[in-house]
Amino acid sequence: MSAYHRIGRPKEDADVKWWRQWLVTIIFGLWNEKKEMLAKQGWLPRPISQQEILKEVNRRIYMMKKENLWNHKVHEHNWVERRVNELCEEEFGPTTDEGVLKIVRTSDNCYIPNPELFQ
């Protein structure tokens, strides 16, 4: 018998939806920051890696906890990774009122705000 145990998808509750929207906010923030920094060097914008997203999640949780502003469950690394991946899925990803996904995957574990939002 394998030691591997597959954990099912969590129920679609307020916590999961909050996390997805918060991750969208983080990706947009990282994208804008990175885009401005690279533009100063004359470079084009680059996607945000999942590693960058997770690092920012941890930084923000730490900062908010320190100020007693964090009132959400802290999930394990793999749980947060799965929510990031779901942002690009039609079934789960936050969308605009017109049904456009807010985040798209550009390659394995790299994400950007959906270019359709800026047209």
PDB file of N, CA and C in Angstrom:
ATOM      1  N   MET A   1       0.834  -1.174   0.000  1.00  0.00           N
ATOM      2  CA  MET A   1       0.000   0.000   0.000  1.00  0.00           C
ATOM      3  C   MET A   1       0.888   1.249   0.000  1.00  0.00           C
ATOM      4  N   SER A   2       0.525   2.207  -0.800  1.00  0.00           N
ATOM      5  CA  SER A   2       1.304   3.434  -0.952  1.00  0.00           C
ATOM      6  C   SER A   2       1.050   4.386   0.213  1.00  0.00           C
ATOM      7  N   ALA A   3       2.064   5.172   0.528  1.00  0.00           N
ATOM      8  CA  ALA A   3       1.925   6.189   1.579  1.00  0.00           C
ATOM      9  C   ALA A   3       1.220   7.424   1.036  1.00  0.00           C
ATOM     10  N   TYR A   4       1.041   7.478  -0.277  1.00  0.00           N
ATOM     11  CA  TYR A   4       0.393   8.623  -0.915  1.00  0.00           C
ATOM     12  C   TYR A   4      -1.108   8.574  -0.664  1.00  0.00           C
ATOM     13  N   HIS A   5      -1.661   9.671  -0.239  1.00  0.00           N
ATOM     14  CA  HIS A   5      -3.099   9.764   0.006  1.00  0.00           C
ATOM     15  C   HIS A   5      -3.632  10.999  -0.703  1.00  0.00           C
ATOM     16  N   ARG A   6      -4.472  10.803  -1.681  1.00  0.00           N
ATOM     17  CA  ARG A   6      -5.022  11.928  -2.441  1.00  0.00           C
ATOM     18  C   ARG A   6      -6.095  12.625  -1.609  1.00  0.00           C
ATOM     19  N   ILE A   7      -5.947  13.931  -1.508  1.00  0.00           N
ATOM     20  CA  ILE A   7      -6.919  14.729  -0.775  1.00  0.00           C
ATOM     21  C   ILE A   7      -7.866  15.342  -1.787  1.00  0.00           C
ATOM     22  N   GLY A   8      -9.142  15.208  -1.560  1.00  0.00           N
ATOM     23  CA  GLY A   8     -10.133  15.728  -2.495  1.00  0.00           C
ATOM     24  C   GLY A   8     -10.207  17.249  -2.464  1.00  0.00           C
ATOM     25  N   ARG A   9     -10.882  17.774  -3.456  1.00  0.00           N
ATOM     26  CA  ARG A   9     -11.084  19.219  -3.557  1.00  0.00           C
ATOM     27  C   ARG A   9     -11.952  19.682  -2.386  1.00  0.00           C
ATOM     28  N   PRO A  10     -11.603  20.817  -1.783  1.00  0.00           N
ATOM     29  CA  PRO A  10     -12.427  21.304  -0.672  1.00  0.00           C
ATOM     30  C   PRO A  10     -13.783  21.768  -1.181  1.00  0.00           C
ATOM     31  N   LYS A  11     -14.737  21.780  -0.286  1.00  0.00           N
ATOM     32  CA  LYS A  11     -16.061  22.272  -0.690  1.00  0.00           C
ATOM     33  C   LYS A  11     -15.958  23.753  -1.045  1.00  0.00           C
ATOM     34  N   GLU A  12     -16.815  24.190  -1.918  1.00  0.00           N
ATOM     35  CA  GLU A  12     -16.831  25.589  -2.357  1.00  0.00           C
ATOM     36  C   GLU A  12     -17.511  26.438  -1.284  1.00  0.00           C
ATOM     37  N   ASP A  13     -16.731  26.858  -0.317  1.00  0.00           N
ATOM     38  CA  ASP A  13     -17.292  27.683   0.750  1.00  0.00           C
ATOM     39  C   ASP A  13     -16.698  29.089   0.682  1.00  0.00           C
ATOM     40  N   ALA A  14     -17.087  29.926   1.616  1.00  0.00           N
ATOM     41  CA  ALA A  14     -16.634  31.323   1.621  1.00  0.00           C
ATOM     42  C   ALA A  14     -15.112  31.426   1.754  1.00  0.00           C
ATOM     43  N   ASP A  15     -14.504  30.518   2.515  1.00  0.00           N
ATOM     44  CA  ASP A  15     -13.050  30.536   2.705  1.00  0.00           C
ATOM     45  C   ASP A  15     -12.318  30.301   1.382  1.00  0.00           C
ATOM     46  N   VAL A  16     -12.728  29.293   0.640  1.00  0.00           N
ATOM     47  CA  VAL A  16     -12.087  28.978  -0.639  1.00  0.00           C
ATOM     48  C   VAL A  16     -12.262  30.139  -1.608  1.00  0.00           C
ATOM     49  N   LYS A  17     -13.457  30.694  -1.686  1.00  0.00           N
ATOM     50  CA  LYS A  17     -13.711  31.821  -2.591  1.00  0.00           C
ATOM     51  C   LYS A  17     -12.901  33.049  -2.179  1.00  0.00           C
ATOM     52  N   TRP A  18     -12.803  33.294  -0.871  1.00  0.00           N
ATOM     53  CA  TRP A  18     -12.004  34.425  -0.391  1.00  0.00           C
ATOM     54  C   TRP A  18     -10.545  34.251  -0.798  1.00  0.00           C
ATOM     55  N   TRP A  19     -10.005  33.051  -0.577  1.00  0.00           N
ATOM     56  CA  TRP A  19      -8.607  32.784  -0.928  1.00  0.00           C
ATOM     57  C   TRP A  19      -8.364  33.004  -2.414  1.00  0.00           C
ATOM     58  N   ARG A  20      -9.264  32.522  -3.262  1.00  0.00           N
ATOM     59  CA  ARG A  20      -9.076  32.707  -4.704  1.00  0.00           C
ATOM     60  C   ARG A  20      -9.046  34.186  -5.063  1.00  0.00           C
ATOM     61  N   GLN A  21      -9.963  34.957  -4.506  1.00  0.00           N
ATOM     62  CA  GLN A  21      -9.989  36.387  -4.822  1.00  0.00           C
ATOM     63  C   GLN A  21      -8.742  37.085  -4.277  1.00  0.00           C
ATOM     64  N   TRP A  22      -8.302  36.681  -3.095  1.00  0.00           N
ATOM     65  CA  TRP A  22      -7.098  37.273  -2.510  1.00  0.00           C
ATOM     66  C   TRP A  22      -5.881  36.949  -3.369  1.00  0.00           C
ATOM     67  N   LEU A  23      -5.807  35.723  -3.890  1.00  0.00           N
ATOM     68  CA  LEU A  23      -4.705  35.341  -4.772  1.00  0.00           C
ATOM     69  C   LEU A  23      -4.717  36.159  -6.062  1.00  0.00           C
ATOM     70  N   VAL A  24      -5.906  36.456  -6.580  1.00  0.00           N
ATOM     71  CA  VAL A  24      -6.009  37.323  -7.766  1.00  0.00           C
ATOM     72  C   VAL A  24      -5.417  38.692  -7.443  1.00  0.00           C
ATOM     73  N   THR A  25      -5.758  39.242  -6.296  1.00  0.00           N
ATOM     74  CA  THR A  25      -5.237  40.540  -5.877  1.00  0.00           C
ATOM     75  C   THR A  25      -3.712  40.502  -5.776  1.00  0.00           C
ATOM     76  N   ILE A  26      -3.186  39.441  -5.215  1.00  0.00           N
ATOM     77  CA  ILE A  26      -1.735  39.286  -5.080  1.00  0.00           C
ATOM     78  C   ILE A  26      -1.076  39.218  -6.456  1.00  0.00           C
ATOM     79  N   ILE A  27      -1.639  38.449  -7.364  1.00  0.00           N
ATOM     80  CA  ILE A  27      -1.053  38.321  -8.700  1.00  0.00           C
ATOM     81  C   ILE A  27      -1.079  39.657  -9.432  1.00  0.00           C
ATOM     82  N   PHE A  28      -2.183  40.388  -9.350  1.00  0.00           N
ATOM     83  CA  PHE A  28      -2.242  41.704  -9.989  1.00  0.00           C
ATOM     84  C   PHE A  28      -1.193  42.641  -9.393  1.00  0.00           C
ATOM     85  N   GLY A  29      -1.031  42.619  -8.076  1.00  0.00           N
ATOM     86  CA  GLY A  29      -0.034  43.472  -7.421  1.00  0.00           C
ATOM     87  C   GLY A  29       1.385  43.124  -7.838  1.00  0.00           C
ATOM     88  N   LEU A  30       1.702  41.832  -7.828  1.00  0.00           N
ATOM     89  CA  LEU A  30       3.034  41.398  -8.237  1.00  0.00           C
ATOM     90  C   LEU A  30       3.289  41.724  -9.708  1.00  0.00           C
ATOM     91  N   TRP A  31       2.283  41.539 -10.541  1.00  0.00           N
ATOM     92  CA  TRP A  31       2.409  41.826 -11.972  1.00  0.00           C
ATOM     93  C   TRP A  31       2.738  43.302 -12.195  1.00  0.00           C
ATOM     94  N   ASN A  32       1.986  44.181 -11.546  1.00  0.00           N
ATOM     95  CA  ASN A  32       2.232  45.623 -11.720  1.00  0.00           C
ATOM     96  C   ASN A  32       3.608  46.028 -11.210  1.00  0.00           C
ATOM     97  N   GLU A  33       3.978  45.504 -10.061  1.00  0.00           N
ATOM     98  CA  GLU A  33       5.289  45.821  -9.483  1.00  0.00           C
ATOM     99  C   GLU A  33       6.418  45.346 -10.401  1.00  0.00           C
ATOM    100  N   LYS A  34       6.312  44.115 -10.876  1.00  0.00           N
ATOM    101  CA  LYS A  34       7.342  43.538 -11.740  1.00  0.00           C
ATOM    102  C   LYS A  34       7.382  44.261 -13.090  1.00  0.00           C
ATOM    103  N   LYS A  35       6.199  44.591 -13.621  1.00  0.00           N
ATOM    104  CA  LYS A  35       6.116  45.286 -14.909  1.00  0.00           C
ATOM    105  C   LYS A  35       6.807  46.646 -14.837  1.00  0.00           C
ATOM    106  N   GLU A  36       6.554  47.396 -13.776  1.00  0.00           N
ATOM    107  CA  GLU A  36       7.188  48.718 -13.608  1.00  0.00           C
ATOM    108  C   GLU A  36       8.703  48.593 -13.444  1.00  0.00           C
ATOM    109  N   MET A  37       9.132  47.628 -12.652  1.00  0.00           N
ATOM    110  CA  MET A  37      10.561  47.437 -12.419  1.00  0.00           C
ATOM    111  C   MET A  37      11.272  47.070 -13.722  1.00  0.00           C
ATOM    112  N   LEU A  38      10.698  46.153 -14.494  1.00  0.00           N
ATOM    113  CA  LEU A  38      11.314  45.732 -15.747  1.00  0.00           C
ATOM    114  C   LEU A  38      11.268  46.840 -16.800  1.00  0.00           C
ATOM    115  N   ALA A  39      10.201  47.640 -16.796  1.00  0.00           N
ATOM    116  CA  ALA A  39      10.081  48.734 -17.761  1.00  0.00           C
ATOM    117  C   ALA A  39      11.205  49.752 -17.565  1.00  0.00           C
ATOM    118  N   LYS A  40      11.594  49.987 -16.328  1.00  0.00           N
ATOM    119  CA  LYS A  40      12.690  50.918 -16.042  1.00  0.00           C
ATOM    120  C   LYS A  40      14.005  50.426 -16.646  1.00  0.00           C
ATOM    121  N   GLN A  41      14.102  49.127 -16.845  1.00  0.00           N
ATOM    122  CA  GLN A  41      15.300  48.534 -17.449  1.00  0.00           C
ATOM    123  C   GLN A  41      15.135  48.365 -18.965  1.00  0.00           C
ATOM    124  N   GLY A  42      13.960  48.759 -19.473  1.00  0.00           N
ATOM    125  CA  GLY A  42      13.685  48.615 -20.893  1.00  0.00           C
ATOM    126  C   GLY A  42      13.250  47.216 -21.296  1.00  0.00           C
ATOM    127  N   TRP A  43      12.794  46.420 -20.329  1.00  0.00           N
ATOM    128  CA  TRP A  43      12.387  45.050 -20.596  1.00  0.00           C
ATOM    129  C   TRP A  43      10.873  44.933 -20.611  1.00  0.00           C
ATOM    130  N   LEU A  44      10.381  43.926 -21.281  1.00  0.00           N
ATOM    131  CA  LEU A  44       8.946  43.647 -21.332  1.00  0.00           C
ATOM    132  C   LEU A  44       8.504  42.939 -20.055  1.00  0.00           C
ATOM    133  N   PRO A  45       7.211  43.023 -19.741  1.00  0.00           N
ATOM    134  CA  PRO A  45       6.691  42.311 -18.554  1.00  0.00           C
ATOM    135  C   PRO A  45       6.910  40.805 -18.671  1.00  0.00           C
ATOM    136  N   ARG A  46       7.041  40.172 -17.536  1.00  0.00           N
ATOM    137  CA  ARG A  46       7.208  38.720 -17.480  1.00  0.00           C
ATOM    138  C   ARG A  46       6.156  38.138 -16.544  1.00  0.00           C
ATOM    139  N   PRO A  47       5.799  36.882 -16.776  1.00  0.00           N
ATOM    140  CA  PRO A  47       4.800  36.233 -15.905  1.00  0.00           C
ATOM    141  C   PRO A  47       5.286  36.122 -14.467  1.00  0.00           C
ATOM    142  N   ILE A  48       4.327  35.926 -13.587  1.00  0.00           N
ATOM    143  CA  ILE A  48       4.602  35.736 -12.161  1.00  0.00           C
ATOM    144  C   ILE A  48       4.646  34.235 -11.893  1.00  0.00           C
ATOM    145  N   SER A  49       5.728  33.764 -11.295  1.00  0.00           N
ATOM    146  CA  SER A  49       5.849  32.334 -11.002  1.00  0.00           C
ATOM    147  C   SER A  49       5.037  31.978  -9.759  1.00  0.00           C
ATOM    148  N   GLN A  50       4.678  30.711  -9.697  1.00  0.00           N
ATOM    149  CA  GLN A  50       3.953  30.244  -8.517  1.00  0.00           C
ATOM    150  C   GLN A  50       4.805  30.439  -7.263  1.00  0.00           C
ATOM    151  N   GLN A  51       6.102  30.285  -7.396  1.00  0.00           N
ATOM    152  CA  GLN A  51       7.005  30.493  -6.261  1.00  0.00           C
ATOM    153  C   GLN A  51       6.912  31.941  -5.755  1.00  0.00           C
ATOM    154  N   GLU A  52       6.873  32.912  -6.677  1.00  0.00           N
ATOM    155  CA  GLU A  52       6.741  34.318  -6.288  1.00  0.00           C
ATOM    156  C   GLU A  52       5.413  34.555  -5.573  1.00  0.00           C
ATOM    157  N   ILE A  53       4.353  33.930  -6.087  1.00  0.00           N
ATOM    158  CA  ILE A  53       3.019  34.090  -5.491  1.00  0.00           C
ATOM    159  C   ILE A  53       3.011  33.545  -4.073  1.00  0.00           C
ATOM    160  N   LEU A  54       3.528  32.341  -3.885  1.00  0.00           N
ATOM    161  CA  LEU A  54       3.525  31.714  -2.565  1.00  0.00           C
ATOM    162  C   LEU A  54       4.388  32.488  -1.571  1.00  0.00           C
ATOM    163  N   LYS A  55       5.494  33.017  -2.041  1.00  0.00           N
ATOM    164  CA  LYS A  55       6.350  33.830  -1.171  1.00  0.00           C
ATOM    165  C   LYS A  55       5.598  35.080  -0.716  1.00  0.00           C
ATOM    166  N   GLU A  56       4.863  35.708  -1.633  1.00  0.00           N
ATOM    167  CA  GLU A  56       4.098  36.906  -1.290  1.00  0.00           C
ATOM    168  C   GLU A  56       2.938  36.575  -0.348  1.00  0.00           C
ATOM    169  N   VAL A  57       2.300  35.441  -0.556  1.00  0.00           N
ATOM    170  CA  VAL A  57       1.233  34.995   0.351  1.00  0.00           C
ATOM    171  C   VAL A  57       1.789  34.900   1.768  1.00  0.00           C
ATOM    172  N   ASN A  58       2.919  34.223   1.919  1.00  0.00           N
ATOM    173  CA  ASN A  58       3.514  34.059   3.252  1.00  0.00           C
ATOM    174  C   ASN A  58       3.922  35.397   3.864  1.00  0.00           C
ATOM    175  N   ARG A  59       4.468  36.283   3.040  1.00  0.00           N
ATOM    176  CA  ARG A  59       4.873  37.601   3.534  1.00  0.00           C
ATOM    177  C   ARG A  59       3.664  38.389   4.042  1.00  0.00           C
ATOM    178  N   ARG A  60       2.587  38.362   3.279  1.00  0.00           N
ATOM    179  CA  ARG A  60       1.389  39.118   3.679  1.00  0.00           C
ATOM    180  C   ARG A  60       0.723  38.526   4.914  1.00  0.00           C
ATOM    181  N   ILE A  61       0.675  37.200   4.996  1.00  0.00           N
ATOM    182  CA  ILE A  61       0.095  36.566   6.187  1.00  0.00           C
ATOM    183  C   ILE A  61       0.904  36.960   7.414  1.00  0.00           C
ATOM    184  N   TYR A  62       2.225  36.867   7.318  1.00  0.00           N
ATOM    185  CA  TYR A  62       3.097  37.235   8.436  1.00  0.00           C
ATOM    186  C   TYR A  62       2.842  38.677   8.868  1.00  0.00           C
ATOM    187  N   MET A  63       2.805  39.587   7.881  1.00  0.00           N
ATOM    188  CA  MET A  63       2.605  40.995   8.179  1.00  0.00           C
ATOM    189  C   MET A  63       1.232  41.239   8.830  1.00  0.00           C
ATOM    190  N   MET A  64       0.192  40.610   8.293  1.00  0.00           N
ATOM    191  CA  MET A  64      -1.145  40.818   8.827  1.00  0.00           C
ATOM    192  C   MET A  64      -1.310  40.195  10.212  1.00  0.00           C
ATOM    193  N   LYS A  65      -0.697  39.043  10.435  1.00  0.00           N
ATOM    194  CA  LYS A  65      -0.744  38.426  11.765  1.00  0.00           C
ATOM    195  C   LYS A  65      -0.067  39.322  12.795  1.00  0.00           C
ATOM    196  N   LYS A  66       1.055  39.883  12.403  1.00  0.00           N
ATOM    197  CA  LYS A  66       1.817  40.750  13.304  1.00  0.00           C
ATOM    198  C   LYS A  66       0.983  41.955  13.748  1.00  0.00           C
ATOM    199  N   GLU A  67       0.119  42.426  12.875  1.00  0.00           N
ATOM    200  CA  GLU A  67      -0.751  43.572  13.175  1.00  0.00           C
ATOM    201  C   GLU A  67      -2.128  43.143  13.679  1.00  0.00           C
ATOM    202  N   ASN A  68      -2.300  41.846  13.954  1.00  0.00           N
ATOM    203  CA  ASN A  68      -3.583  41.278  14.399  1.00  0.00           C
ATOM    204  C   ASN A  68      -4.711  41.551  13.402  1.00  0.00           C
ATOM    205  N   LEU A  69      -4.393  41.499  12.109  1.00  0.00           N
ATOM    206  CA  LEU A  69      -5.382  41.731  11.064  1.00  0.00           C
ATOM    207  C   LEU A  69      -5.764  40.455  10.325  1.00  0.00           C
ATOM    208  N   TRP A  70      -5.086  39.360  10.620  1.00  0.00           N
ATOM    209  CA  TRP A  70      -5.356  38.107   9.913  1.00  0.00           C
ATOM    210  C   TRP A  70      -6.434  37.331  10.649  1.00  0.00           C
ATOM    211  N   ASN A  71      -7.567  37.089   9.986  1.00  0.00           N
ATOM    212  CA  ASN A  71      -8.654  36.335  10.626  1.00  0.00           C
ATOM    213  C   ASN A  71      -9.143  35.205   9.727  1.00  0.00           C
ATOM    214  N   HIS A  72      -8.221  34.654   8.922  1.00  0.00           N
ATOM    215  CA  HIS A  72      -8.549  33.543   8.029  1.00  0.00           C
ATOM    216  C   HIS A  72      -7.706  32.340   8.410  1.00  0.00           C
ATOM    217  N   LYS A  73      -8.150  31.192   7.976  1.00  0.00           N
ATOM    218  CA  LYS A  73      -7.387  29.978   8.211  1.00  0.00           C
ATOM    219  C   LYS A  73      -6.098  30.036   7.387  1.00  0.00           C
ATOM    220  N   VAL A  74      -4.997  29.575   7.963  1.00  0.00           N
ATOM    221  CA  VAL A  74      -3.737  29.450   7.232  1.00  0.00           C
ATOM    222  C   VAL A  74      -3.672  28.007   6.739  1.00  0.00           C
ATOM    223  N   HIS A  75      -3.621  27.857   5.430  1.00  0.00           N
ATOM    224  CA  HIS A  75      -3.616  26.526   4.828  1.00  0.00           C
ATOM    225  C   HIS A  75      -2.200  26.100   4.493  1.00  0.00           C
ATOM    226  N   GLU A  76      -2.023  24.796   4.329  1.00  0.00           N
ATOM    227  CA  GLU A  76      -0.707  24.262   3.977  1.00  0.00           C
ATOM    228  C   GLU A  76      -0.338  24.668   2.552  1.00  0.00           C
ATOM    229  N   HIS A  77       0.937  24.570   2.272  1.00  0.00           N
ATOM    230  CA  HIS A  77       1.518  24.976   0.993  1.00  0.00           C
ATOM    231  C   HIS A  77       0.785  24.362  -0.212  1.00  0.00           C
ATOM    232  N   ASN A  78       0.568  23.057  -0.195  1.00  0.00           N
ATOM    233  CA  ASN A  78      -0.078  22.378  -1.321  1.00  0.00           C
ATOM    234  C   ASN A  78      -1.506  22.857  -1.544  1.00  0.00           C
ATOM    235  N   TRP A  79      -2.220  23.157  -0.481  1.00  0.00           N
ATOM    236  CA  TRP A  79      -3.590  23.657  -0.597  1.00  0.00           C
ATOM    237  C   TRP A  79      -3.582  24.989  -1.347  1.00  0.00           C
ATOM    238  N   VAL A  80      -2.665  25.877  -0.978  1.00  0.00           N
ATOM    239  CA  VAL A  80      -2.583  27.188  -1.629  1.00  0.00           C
ATOM    240  C   VAL A  80      -2.163  27.019  -3.091  1.00  0.00           C
ATOM    241  N   GLU A  81      -1.219  26.137  -3.371  1.00  0.00           N
ATOM    242  CA  GLU A  81      -0.817  25.862  -4.752  1.00  0.00           C
ATOM    243  C   GLU A  81      -2.010  25.446  -5.607  1.00  0.00           C
ATOM    244  N   ARG A  82      -2.845  24.574  -5.065  1.00  0.00           N
ATOM    245  CA  ARG A  82      -4.021  24.123  -5.823  1.00  0.00           C
ATOM    246  C   ARG A  82      -4.984  25.271  -6.095  1.00  0.00           C
ATOM    247  N   ARG A  83      -5.159  26.165  -5.126  1.00  0.00           N
ATOM    248  CA  ARG A  83      -6.050  27.318  -5.363  1.00  0.00           C
ATOM    249  C   ARG A  83      -5.487  28.231  -6.451  1.00  0.00           C
ATOM    250  N   VAL A  84      -4.160  28.400  -6.488  1.00  0.00           N
ATOM    251  CA  VAL A  84      -3.538  29.197  -7.545  1.00  0.00           C
ATOM    252  C   VAL A  84      -3.831  28.549  -8.896  1.00  0.00           C
ATOM    253  N   ASN A  85      -3.642  27.244  -9.005  1.00  0.00           N
ATOM    254  CA  ASN A  85      -3.906  26.544 -10.265  1.00  0.00           C
ATOM    255  C   ASN A  85      -5.368  26.684 -10.689  1.00  0.00           C
ATOM    256  N   GLU A  86      -6.271  26.670  -9.734  1.00  0.00           N
ATOM    257  CA  GLU A  86      -7.703  26.770 -10.049  1.00  0.00           C
ATOM    258  C   GLU A  86      -8.089  28.139 -10.610  1.00  0.00           C
ATOM    259  N   LEU A  87      -7.278  29.151 -10.369  1.00  0.00           N
ATOM    260  CA  LEU A  87      -7.607  30.488 -10.861  1.00  0.00           C
ATOM    261  C   LEU A  87      -7.768  30.511 -12.375  1.00  0.00           C
ATOM    262  N   CYS A  88      -7.135  29.587 -13.067  1.00  0.00           N
ATOM    263  CA  CYS A  88      -7.143  29.557 -14.533  1.00  0.00           C
ATOM    264  C   CYS A  88      -8.183  28.593 -15.090  1.00  0.00           C
ATOM    265  N   GLU A  89      -8.953  27.977 -14.235  1.00  0.00           N
ATOM    266  CA  GLU A  89      -9.959  27.014 -14.674  1.00  0.00           C
ATOM    267  C   GLU A  89     -11.323  27.697 -14.766  1.00  0.00           C
ATOM    268  N   GLU A  90     -12.003  27.451 -15.871  1.00  0.00           N
ATOM    269  CA  GLU A  90     -13.330  28.046 -16.104  1.00  0.00           C
ATOM    270  C   GLU A  90     -14.281  27.786 -14.932  1.00  0.00           C
ATOM    271  N   GLU A  91     -14.202  26.589 -14.382  1.00  0.00           N
ATOM    272  CA  GLU A  91     -15.134  26.186 -13.322  1.00  0.00           C
ATOM    273  C   GLU A  91     -14.909  26.926 -12.003  1.00  0.00           C
ATOM    274  N   PHE A  92     -13.663  27.299 -11.714  1.00  0.00           N
ATOM    275  CA  PHE A  92     -13.346  27.823 -10.390  1.00  0.00           C
ATOM    276  C   PHE A  92     -12.781  29.238 -10.371  1.00  0.00           C
ATOM    277  N   GLY A  93     -12.133  29.662 -11.435  1.00  0.00           N
ATOM    278  CA  GLY A  93     -11.434  30.934 -11.442  1.00  0.00           C
ATOM    279  C   GLY A  93     -12.359  32.130 -11.365  1.00  0.00           C
ATOM    280  N   PRO A  94     -11.993  33.136 -10.573  1.00  0.00           N
ATOM    281  CA  PRO A  94     -12.782  34.363 -10.513  1.00  0.00           C
ATOM    282  C   PRO A  94     -12.854  35.021 -11.891  1.00  0.00           C
ATOM    283  N   THR A  95     -14.029  35.527 -12.231  1.00  0.00           N
ATOM    284  CA  THR A  95     -14.241  36.143 -13.535  1.00  0.00           C
ATOM    285  C   THR A  95     -14.827  37.546 -13.380  1.00  0.00           C
ATOM    286  N   THR A  96     -14.789  38.279 -14.486  1.00  0.00           N
ATOM    287  CA  THR A  96     -15.459  39.580 -14.532  1.00  0.00           C
ATOM    288  C   THR A  96     -16.961  39.335 -14.685  1.00  0.00           C
ATOM    289  N   ASP A  97     -17.737  40.400 -14.656  1.00  0.00           N
ATOM    290  CA  ASP A  97     -19.181  40.273 -14.866  1.00  0.00           C
ATOM    291  C   ASP A  97     -19.496  39.693 -16.239  1.00  0.00           C
ATOM    292  N   GLU A  98     -18.573  39.872 -17.196  1.00  0.00           N
ATOM    293  CA  GLU A  98     -18.764  39.359 -18.549  1.00  0.00           C
ATOM    294  C   GLU A  98     -18.304  37.913 -18.687  1.00  0.00           C
ATOM    295  N   GLY A  99     -17.795  37.319 -17.607  1.00  0.00           N
ATOM    296  CA  GLY A  99     -17.371  35.927 -17.630  1.00  0.00           C
ATOM    297  C   GLY A  99     -15.946  35.690 -18.083  1.00  0.00           C
ATOM    298  N   VAL A 100     -15.121  36.747 -18.108  1.00  0.00           N
ATOM    299  CA  VAL A 100     -13.724  36.618 -18.511  1.00  0.00           C
ATOM    300  C   VAL A 100     -12.888  36.264 -17.282  1.00  0.00           C
ATOM    301  N   LEU A 101     -12.108  35.179 -17.395  1.00  0.00           N
ATOM    302  CA  LEU A 101     -11.213  34.810 -16.286  1.00  0.00           C
ATOM    303  C   LEU A 101     -10.244  35.951 -16.008  1.00  0.00           C
ATOM    304  N   LYS A 102     -10.004  36.220 -14.739  1.00  0.00           N
ATOM    305  CA  LYS A 102      -9.108  37.321 -14.372  1.00  0.00           C
ATOM    306  C   LYS A 102      -7.635  36.950 -14.491  1.00  0.00           C
ATOM    307  N   ILE A 103      -7.314  35.660 -14.353  1.00  0.00           N
ATOM    308  CA  ILE A 103      -5.931  35.188 -14.381  1.00  0.00           C
ATOM    309  C   ILE A 103      -5.803  34.094 -15.433  1.00  0.00           C
ATOM    310  N   VAL A 104      -4.695  34.107 -16.176  1.00  0.00           N
ATOM    311  CA  VAL A 104      -4.404  33.033 -17.128  1.00  0.00           C
ATOM    312  C   VAL A 104      -3.013  32.474 -16.858  1.00  0.00           C
ATOM    313  N   ARG A 105      -2.844  31.207 -17.208  1.00  0.00           N
ATOM    314  CA  ARG A 105      -1.550  30.540 -17.057  1.00  0.00           C
ATOM    315  C   ARG A 105      -0.811  30.709 -18.378  1.00  0.00           C
ATOM    316  N   THR A 106       0.446  31.142 -18.308  1.00  0.00           N
ATOM    317  CA  THR A 106       1.239  31.313 -19.527  1.00  0.00           C
ATOM    318  C   THR A 106       2.099  30.093 -19.807  1.00  0.00           C
ATOM    319  N   SER A 107       2.491  29.387 -18.800  1.00  0.00           N
ATOM    320  CA  SER A 107       3.277  28.165 -18.915  1.00  0.00           C
ATOM    321  C   SER A 107       3.169  27.456 -17.571  1.00  0.00           C
ATOM    322  N   ASP A 108       3.905  26.388 -17.419  1.00  0.00           N
ATOM    323  CA  ASP A 108       3.843  25.666 -16.149  1.00  0.00           C
ATOM    324  C   ASP A 108       4.164  26.598 -14.987  1.00  0.00           C
ATOM    325  N   ASN A 109       3.217  26.735 -14.092  1.00  0.00           N
ATOM    326  CA  ASN A 109       3.395  27.489 -12.853  1.00  0.00           C
ATOM    327  C   ASN A 109       3.747  28.960 -13.051  1.00  0.00           C
ATOM    328  N   CYS A 110       3.304  29.565 -14.148  1.00  0.00           N
ATOM    329  CA  CYS A 110       3.488  31.000 -14.377  1.00  0.00           C
ATOM    330  C   CYS A 110       2.153  31.618 -14.771  1.00  0.00           C
ATOM    331  N   TYR A 111       1.873  32.806 -14.226  1.00  0.00           N
ATOM    332  CA  TYR A 111       0.549  33.413 -14.348  1.00  0.00           C
ATOM    333  C   TYR A 111       0.649  34.895 -14.649  1.00  0.00           C
ATOM    334  N   ILE A 112      -0.395  35.415 -15.326  1.00  0.00           N
ATOM    335  CA  ILE A 112      -0.508  36.852 -15.573  1.00  0.00           C
ATOM    336  C   ILE A 112      -1.972  37.242 -15.491  1.00  0.00           C
ATOM    337  N   PRO A 113      -2.241  38.540 -15.247  1.00  0.00           N
ATOM    338  CA  PRO A 113      -3.615  38.995 -15.403  1.00  0.00           C
ATOM    339  C   PRO A 113      -4.032  38.765 -16.855  1.00  0.00           C
ATOM    340  N   ASN A 114      -5.265  38.396 -17.070  1.00  0.00           N
ATOM    341  CA  ASN A 114      -5.755  38.097 -18.411  1.00  0.00           C
ATOM    342  C   ASN A 114      -5.625  39.311 -19.316  1.00  0.00           C
ATOM    343  N   PRO A 115      -4.882  39.216 -20.419  1.00  0.00           N
ATOM    344  CA  PRO A 115      -4.723  40.356 -21.331  1.00  0.00           C
ATOM    345  C   PRO A 115      -6.047  40.895 -21.869  1.00  0.00           C
ATOM    346  N   GLU A 116      -7.071  40.053 -21.930  1.00  0.00           N
ATOM    347  CA  GLU A 116      -8.403  40.501 -22.401  1.00  0.00           C
ATOM    348  C   GLU A 116      -8.965  41.611 -21.520  1.00  0.00           C
ATOM    349  N   LEU A 117      -8.531  41.673 -20.282  1.00  0.00           N
ATOM    350  CA  LEU A 117      -9.040  42.693 -19.356  1.00  0.00           C
ATOM    351  C   LEU A 117      -8.521  44.077 -19.714  1.00  0.00           C
ATOM    352  N   PHE A 118      -7.473  44.151 -20.517  1.00  0.00           N
ATOM    353  CA  PHE A 118      -6.843  45.443 -20.811  1.00  0.00           C
ATOM    354  C   PHE A 118      -7.108  45.901 -22.238  1.00  0.00           C
ATOM    355  N   GLN A 119      -8.028  45.256 -22.924  1.00  0.00           N
ATOM    356  CA  GLN A 119      -8.333  45.639 -24.304  1.00  0.00           C
ATOM    357  C   GLN A 119      -9.511  46.586 -24.361  1.00  0.00           C
TER     358      GLN A 119
END
